[in-house]
Amino acid sequence: MTEHKLYTTLEIPGSFLVPGFCIYVLEIVKEKQKWFYIGMTGDPHYPSARSAYYRLVGHLELNQRSTQNQLR
């Protein structure tokens, strides 16, 4: 008997890891509801903005004292 495992794949393009200004949209689906979160990595006037990956990881931070988690 074949054992089937469910898994989720997350693909991160290389451009997502490069520091710099970026606007991104997260689509969140839970049951039959859908939400969109629009964020950005900083200000377009400052080229030293964090990477989109860095910001996304901050949004997923579960620490109660986190100031980055805007999704909670």
PDB file of N, CA and C in Angstrom:
ATOM      1  N   MET A   1       0.846  -1.178   0.000  1.00  0.00           N
ATOM      2  CA  MET A   1       0.000   0.000   0.000  1.00  0.00           C
ATOM      3  C   MET A   1       0.890   1.240   0.000  1.00  0.00           C
ATOM      4  N   THR A   2       0.601   2.177  -0.894  1.00  0.00           N
ATOM      5  CA  THR A   2       1.392   3.396  -1.013  1.00  0.00           C
ATOM      6  C   THR A   2       0.951   4.418   0.030  1.00  0.00           C
ATOM      7  N   GLU A   3       1.916   5.001   0.701  1.00  0.00           N
ATOM      8  CA  GLU A   3       1.608   6.031   1.689  1.00  0.00           C
ATOM      9  C   GLU A   3       1.670   7.394   1.006  1.00  0.00           C
ATOM     10  N   HIS A   4       0.599   8.168   1.092  1.00  0.00           N
ATOM     11  CA  HIS A   4       0.550   9.505   0.508  1.00  0.00           C
ATOM     12  C   HIS A   4       0.767  10.534   1.608  1.00  0.00           C
ATOM     13  N   LYS A   5       1.603  11.503   1.317  1.00  0.00           N
ATOM     14  CA  LYS A   5       1.861  12.568   2.274  1.00  0.00           C
ATOM     15  C   LYS A   5       1.468  13.893   1.646  1.00  0.00           C
ATOM     16  N   LEU A   6       0.820  14.724   2.423  1.00  0.00           N
ATOM     17  CA  LEU A   6       0.471  16.057   1.970  1.00  0.00           C
ATOM     18  C   LEU A   6       1.582  17.014   2.364  1.00  0.00           C
ATOM     19  N   TYR A   7       1.954  17.876   1.461  1.00  0.00           N
ATOM     20  CA  TYR A   7       2.981  18.856   1.764  1.00  0.00           C
ATOM     21  C   TYR A   7       2.707  20.134   0.992  1.00  0.00           C
ATOM     22  N   THR A   8       3.329  21.188   1.433  1.00  0.00           N
ATOM     23  CA  THR A   8       3.203  22.488   0.793  1.00  0.00           C
ATOM     24  C   THR A   8       4.570  22.892   0.281  1.00  0.00           C
ATOM     25  N   THR A   9       4.589  23.463  -0.884  1.00  0.00           N
ATOM     26  CA  THR A   9       5.832  23.925  -1.477  1.00  0.00           C
ATOM     27  C   THR A   9       5.846  25.445  -1.504  1.00  0.00           C
ATOM     28  N   LEU A  10       6.937  26.014  -1.112  1.00  0.00           N
ATOM     29  CA  LEU A  10       7.123  27.460  -1.168  1.00  0.00           C
ATOM     30  C   LEU A  10       8.338  27.725  -2.041  1.00  0.00           C
ATOM     31  N   GLU A  11       8.126  28.376  -3.160  1.00  0.00           N
ATOM     32  CA  GLU A  11       9.228  28.710  -4.055  1.00  0.00           C
ATOM     33  C   GLU A  11       9.549  30.190  -3.883  1.00  0.00           C
ATOM     34  N   ILE A  12      10.829  30.475  -3.707  1.00  0.00           N
ATOM     35  CA  ILE A  12      11.269  31.857  -3.506  1.00  0.00           C
ATOM     36  C   ILE A  12      12.212  32.225  -4.637  1.00  0.00           C
ATOM     37  N   PRO A  13      11.787  33.140  -5.507  1.00  0.00           N
ATOM     38  CA  PRO A  13      12.680  33.553  -6.592  1.00  0.00           C
ATOM     39  C   PRO A  13      13.865  34.348  -6.037  1.00  0.00           C
ATOM     40  N   GLY A  14      14.975  34.292  -6.727  1.00  0.00           N
ATOM     41  CA  GLY A  14      16.179  34.988  -6.273  1.00  0.00           C
ATOM     42  C   GLY A  14      15.976  36.476  -6.065  1.00  0.00           C
ATOM     43  N   SER A  15      15.139  37.097  -6.880  1.00  0.00           N
ATOM     44  CA  SER A  15      14.907  38.541  -6.746  1.00  0.00           C
ATOM     45  C   SER A  15      14.239  38.877  -5.421  1.00  0.00           C
ATOM     46  N   PHE A  16      13.570  37.913  -4.813  1.00  0.00           N
ATOM     47  CA  PHE A  16      12.900  38.110  -3.533  1.00  0.00           C
ATOM     48  C   PHE A  16      13.903  38.243  -2.392  1.00  0.00           C
ATOM     49  N   LEU A  17      15.143  37.814  -2.638  1.00  0.00           N
ATOM     50  CA  LEU A  17      16.183  37.838  -1.607  1.00  0.00           C
ATOM     51  C   LEU A  17      17.077  39.072  -1.686  1.00  0.00           C
ATOM     52  N   VAL A  18      16.921  39.861  -2.733  1.00  0.00           N
ATOM     53  CA  VAL A  18      17.788  41.023  -2.956  1.00  0.00           C
ATOM     54  C   VAL A  18      17.253  42.229  -2.191  1.00  0.00           C
ATOM     55  N   PRO A  19      18.088  42.870  -1.366  1.00  0.00           N
ATOM     56  CA  PRO A  19      17.649  44.072  -0.659  1.00  0.00           C
ATOM     57  C   PRO A  19      17.301  45.186  -1.644  1.00  0.00           C
ATOM     58  N   GLY A  20      16.287  45.945  -1.322  1.00  0.00           N
ATOM     59  CA  GLY A  20      15.882  47.074  -2.159  1.00  0.00           C
ATOM     60  C   GLY A  20      14.393  47.299  -2.053  1.00  0.00           C
ATOM     61  N   PHE A  21      13.939  48.408  -2.588  1.00  0.00           N
ATOM     62  CA  PHE A  21      12.528  48.757  -2.502  1.00  0.00           C
ATOM     63  C   PHE A  21      11.676  47.800  -3.320  1.00  0.00           C
ATOM     64  N   CYS A  22      10.564  47.375  -2.738  1.00  0.00           N
ATOM     65  CA  CYS A  22       9.670  46.425  -3.400  1.00  0.00           C
ATOM     66  C   CYS A  22       8.276  46.570  -2.797  1.00  0.00           C
ATOM     67  N   ILE A  23       7.257  46.480  -3.636  1.00  0.00           N
ATOM     68  CA  ILE A  23       5.879  46.406  -3.174  1.00  0.00           C
ATOM     69  C   ILE A  23       5.416  44.979  -3.425  1.00  0.00           C
ATOM     70  N   TYR A  24       4.764  44.368  -2.437  1.00  0.00           N
ATOM     71  CA  TYR A  24       4.342  42.978  -2.572  1.00  0.00           C
ATOM     72  C   TYR A  24       2.913  42.801  -2.081  1.00  0.00           C
ATOM     73  N   VAL A  25       2.259  41.753  -2.566  1.00  0.00           N
ATOM     74  CA  VAL A  25       0.887  41.433  -2.182  1.00  0.00           C
ATOM     75  C   VAL A  25       0.870  39.994  -1.677  1.00  0.00           C
ATOM     76  N   LEU A  26       0.331  39.802  -0.483  1.00  0.00           N
ATOM     77  CA  LEU A  26       0.143  38.461   0.053  1.00  0.00           C
ATOM     78  C   LEU A  26      -1.332  38.108  -0.082  1.00  0.00           C
ATOM     79  N   GLU A  27      -1.616  36.951  -0.646  1.00  0.00           N
ATOM     80  CA  GLU A  27      -2.991  36.459  -0.733  1.00  0.00           C
ATOM     81  C   GLU A  27      -3.144  35.392   0.334  1.00  0.00           C
ATOM     82  N   ILE A  28      -4.089  35.595   1.224  1.00  0.00           N
ATOM     83  CA  ILE A  28      -4.296  34.678   2.340  1.00  0.00           C
ATOM     84  C   ILE A  28      -5.687  34.062   2.182  1.00  0.00           C
ATOM     85  N   VAL A  29      -5.735  32.743   2.106  1.00  0.00           N
ATOM     86  CA  VAL A  29      -6.999  32.038   1.933  1.00  0.00           C
ATOM     87  C   VAL A  29      -7.184  31.099   3.115  1.00  0.00           C
ATOM     88  N   LYS A  30      -8.317  31.219   3.773  1.00  0.00           N
ATOM     89  CA  LYS A  30      -8.652  30.331   4.881  1.00  0.00           C
ATOM     90  C   LYS A  30     -10.122  29.960   4.736  1.00  0.00           C
ATOM     91  N   GLU A  31     -10.333  28.672   4.595  1.00  0.00           N
ATOM     92  CA  GLU A  31     -11.667  28.146   4.348  1.00  0.00           C
ATOM     93  C   GLU A  31     -12.238  28.847   3.108  1.00  0.00           C
ATOM     94  N   LYS A  32     -13.320  29.567   3.223  1.00  0.00           N
ATOM     95  CA  LYS A  32     -13.904  30.226   2.049  1.00  0.00           C
ATOM     96  C   LYS A  32     -13.672  31.729   2.045  1.00  0.00           C
ATOM     97  N   GLN A  33     -12.768  32.195   2.884  1.00  0.00           N
ATOM     98  CA  GLN A  33     -12.478  33.628   2.952  1.00  0.00           C
ATOM     99  C   GLN A  33     -11.121  33.916   2.336  1.00  0.00           C
ATOM    100  N   LYS A  34     -10.998  35.099   1.754  1.00  0.00           N
ATOM    101  CA  LYS A  34      -9.746  35.498   1.122  1.00  0.00           C
ATOM    102  C   LYS A  34      -9.430  36.932   1.534  1.00  0.00           C
ATOM    103  N   TRP A  35      -8.182  37.157   1.908  1.00  0.00           N
ATOM    104  CA  TRP A  35      -7.706  38.484   2.264  1.00  0.00           C
ATOM    105  C   TRP A  35      -6.460  38.793   1.461  1.00  0.00           C
ATOM    106  N   PHE A  36      -6.198  40.083   1.285  1.00  0.00           N
ATOM    107  CA  PHE A  36      -4.979  40.533   0.620  1.00  0.00           C
ATOM    108  C   PHE A  36      -4.271  41.507   1.544  1.00  0.00           C
ATOM    109  N   TYR A  37      -2.973  41.334   1.669  1.00  0.00           N
ATOM    110  CA  TYR A  37      -2.147  42.268   2.435  1.00  0.00           C
ATOM    111  C   TYR A  37      -1.152  42.887   1.461  1.00  0.00           C
ATOM    112  N   ILE A  38      -1.139  44.198   1.394  1.00  0.00           N
ATOM    113  CA  ILE A  38      -0.209  44.901   0.518  1.00  0.00           C
ATOM    114  C   ILE A  38       0.850  45.540   1.405  1.00  0.00           C
ATOM    115  N   GLY A  39       2.095  45.248   1.112  1.00  0.00           N
ATOM    116  CA  GLY A  39       3.189  45.783   1.914  1.00  0.00           C
ATOM    117  C   GLY A  39       4.321  46.265   1.034  1.00  0.00           C
ATOM    118  N   MET A  40       5.276  46.886   1.662  1.00  0.00           N
ATOM    119  CA  MET A  40       6.467  47.322   0.933  1.00  0.00           C
ATOM    120  C   MET A  40       7.682  47.207   1.832  1.00  0.00           C
ATOM    121  N   THR A  41       8.844  47.113   1.204  1.00  0.00           N
ATOM    122  CA  THR A  41      10.074  46.863   1.953  1.00  0.00           C
ATOM    123  C   THR A  41      10.721  48.128   2.472  1.00  0.00           C
ATOM    124  N   GLY A  42      10.177  49.254   2.188  1.00  0.00           N
ATOM    125  CA  GLY A  42      10.762  50.497   2.672  1.00  0.00           C
ATOM    126  C   GLY A  42      10.296  51.659   1.830  1.00  0.00           C
ATOM    127  N   ASP A  43      11.134  52.616   1.708  1.00  0.00           N
ATOM    128  CA  ASP A  43      10.835  53.835   0.967  1.00  0.00           C
ATOM    129  C   ASP A  43      11.665  53.840  -0.311  1.00  0.00           C
ATOM    130  N   PRO A  44      11.077  54.180  -1.474  1.00  0.00           N
ATOM    131  CA  PRO A  44      11.846  54.142  -2.720  1.00  0.00           C
ATOM    132  C   PRO A  44      13.035  55.104  -2.740  1.00  0.00           C
ATOM    133  N   HIS A  45      13.087  56.030  -1.794  1.00  0.00           N
ATOM    134  CA  HIS A  45      14.202  56.981  -1.736  1.00  0.00           C
ATOM    135  C   HIS A  45      15.428  56.400  -1.026  1.00  0.00           C
ATOM    136  N   TYR A  46      15.252  55.245  -0.370  1.00  0.00           N
ATOM    137  CA  TYR A  46      16.348  54.618   0.366  1.00  0.00           C
ATOM    138  C   TYR A  46      16.661  53.255  -0.239  1.00  0.00           C
ATOM    139  N   PRO A  47      17.709  53.149  -1.035  1.00  0.00           N
ATOM    140  CA  PRO A  47      18.026  51.876  -1.701  1.00  0.00           C
ATOM    141  C   PRO A  47      18.473  50.772  -0.746  1.00  0.00           C
ATOM    142  N   SER A  48      18.681  51.085   0.525  1.00  0.00           N
ATOM    143  CA  SER A  48      19.136  50.069   1.482  1.00  0.00           C
ATOM    144  C   SER A  48      17.970  49.362   2.164  1.00  0.00           C
ATOM    145  N   ALA A  49      16.780  49.399   1.571  1.00  0.00           N
ATOM    146  CA  ALA A  49      15.614  48.728   2.149  1.00  0.00           C
ATOM    147  C   ALA A  49      15.879  47.223   2.261  1.00  0.00           C
ATOM    148  N   ARG A  50      15.193  46.569   3.174  1.00  0.00           N
ATOM    149  CA  ARG A  50      15.329  45.125   3.356  1.00  0.00           C
ATOM    150  C   ARG A  50      14.791  44.373   2.144  1.00  0.00           C
ATOM    151  N   SER A  51      15.130  43.110   2.051  1.00  0.00           N
ATOM    152  CA  SER A  51      14.595  42.286   0.965  1.00  0.00           C
ATOM    153  C   SER A  51      13.134  41.938   1.269  1.00  0.00           C
ATOM    154  N   ALA A  52      12.383  41.589   0.227  1.00  0.00           N
ATOM    155  CA  ALA A  52      10.983  41.187   0.404  1.00  0.00           C
ATOM    156  C   ALA A  52      10.902  39.932   1.277  1.00  0.00           C
ATOM    157  N   TYR A  53      11.853  39.024   1.130  1.00  0.00           N
ATOM    158  CA  TYR A  53      11.883  37.812   1.951  1.00  0.00           C
ATOM    159  C   TYR A  53      11.986  38.161   3.440  1.00  0.00           C
ATOM    160  N   TYR A  54      12.858  39.092   3.769  1.00  0.00           N
ATOM    161  CA  TYR A  54      13.052  39.514   5.163  1.00  0.00           C
ATOM    162  C   TYR A  54      11.737  40.045   5.739  1.00  0.00           C
ATOM    163  N   ARG A  55      11.032  40.866   4.956  1.00  0.00           N
ATOM    164  CA  ARG A  55       9.765  41.430   5.420  1.00  0.00           C
ATOM    165  C   ARG A  55       8.710  40.334   5.575  1.00  0.00           C
ATOM    166  N   LEU A  56       8.657  39.399   4.630  1.00  0.00           N
ATOM    167  CA  LEU A  56       7.676  38.327   4.706  1.00  0.00           C
ATOM    168  C   LEU A  56       7.892  37.486   5.962  1.00  0.00           C
ATOM    169  N   VAL A  57       9.126  37.157   6.257  1.00  0.00           N
ATOM    170  CA  VAL A  57       9.431  36.376   7.455  1.00  0.00           C
ATOM    171  C   VAL A  57       8.984  37.138   8.703  1.00  0.00           C
ATOM    172  N   GLY A  58       9.163  38.451   8.711  1.00  0.00           N
ATOM    173  CA  GLY A  58       8.704  39.264   9.842  1.00  0.00           C
ATOM    174  C   GLY A  58       7.197  39.193  10.013  1.00  0.00           C
ATOM    175  N   HIS A  59       6.459  39.157   8.910  1.00  0.00           N
ATOM    176  CA  HIS A  59       5.003  39.072   8.984  1.00  0.00           C
ATOM    177  C   HIS A  59       4.543  37.749   9.564  1.00  0.00           C
ATOM    178  N   LEU A  60       5.350  36.729   9.439  1.00  0.00           N
ATOM    179  CA  LEU A  60       4.992  35.406   9.943  1.00  0.00           C
ATOM    180  C   LEU A  60       5.490  35.154  11.360  1.00  0.00           C
ATOM    181  N   GLU A  61       6.186  36.101  11.943  1.00  0.00           N
ATOM    182  CA  GLU A  61       6.706  35.977  13.315  1.00  0.00           C
ATOM    183  C   GLU A  61       5.541  35.789  14.290  1.00  0.00           C
ATOM    184  N   LEU A  62       5.628  34.778  15.133  1.00  0.00           N
ATOM    185  CA  LEU A  62       4.546  34.462  16.060  1.00  0.00           C
ATOM    186  C   LEU A  62       4.756  35.021  17.468  1.00  0.00           C
ATOM    187  N   ASN A  63       5.899  35.598  17.738  1.00  0.00           N
ATOM    188  CA  ASN A  63       6.181  36.158  19.054  1.00  0.00           C
ATOM    189  C   ASN A  63       5.142  37.228  19.382  1.00  0.00           C
ATOM    190  N   GLN A  64       4.563  37.160  20.553  1.00  0.00           N
ATOM    191  CA  GLN A  64       3.531  38.118  20.967  1.00  0.00           C
ATOM    192  C   GLN A  64       4.013  39.570  20.954  1.00  0.00           C
ATOM    193  N   ARG A  65       5.301  39.775  21.187  1.00  0.00           N
ATOM    194  CA  ARG A  65       5.843  41.139  21.235  1.00  0.00           C
ATOM    195  C   ARG A  65       6.364  41.626  19.886  1.00  0.00           C
ATOM    196  N   SER A  66       6.176  40.833  18.846  1.00  0.00           N
ATOM    197  CA  SER A  66       6.678  41.203  17.531  1.00  0.00           C
ATOM    198  C   SER A  66       5.985  42.460  17.021  1.00  0.00           C
ATOM    199  N   THR A  67       6.772  43.390  16.508  1.00  0.00           N
ATOM    200  CA  THR A  67       6.212  44.607  15.895  1.00  0.00           C
ATOM    201  C   THR A  67       6.140  44.459  14.377  1.00  0.00           C
ATOM    202  N   GLN A  68       6.640  43.344  13.860  1.00  0.00           N
ATOM    203  CA  GLN A  68       6.637  43.126  12.413  1.00  0.00           C
ATOM    204  C   GLN A  68       5.398  42.398  11.933  1.00  0.00           C
ATOM    205  N   ASN A  69       4.770  41.593  12.795  1.00  0.00           N
ATOM    206  CA  ASN A  69       3.646  40.770  12.358  1.00  0.00           C
ATOM    207  C   ASN A  69       2.400  41.623  12.192  1.00  0.00           C
ATOM    208  N   GLN A  70       2.135  42.026  10.972  1.00  0.00           N
ATOM    209  CA  GLN A  70       0.962  42.826  10.672  1.00  0.00           C
ATOM    210  C   GLN A  70      -0.238  41.947  10.313  1.00  0.00           C
ATOM    211  N   LEU A  71      -0.031  40.643  10.222  1.00  0.00           N
ATOM    212  CA  LEU A  71      -1.102  39.737   9.820  1.00  0.00           C
ATOM    213  C   LEU A  71      -1.910  39.227  11.010  1.00  0.00           C
ATOM    214  N   ARG A  72      -1.344  39.312  12.186  1.00  0.00           N
ATOM    215  CA  ARG A  72      -2.019  38.779  13.376  1.00  0.00           C
ATOM    216  C   ARG A  72      -3.234  39.586  13.603  1.00  0.00           C
TER     217      ARG A  72
END
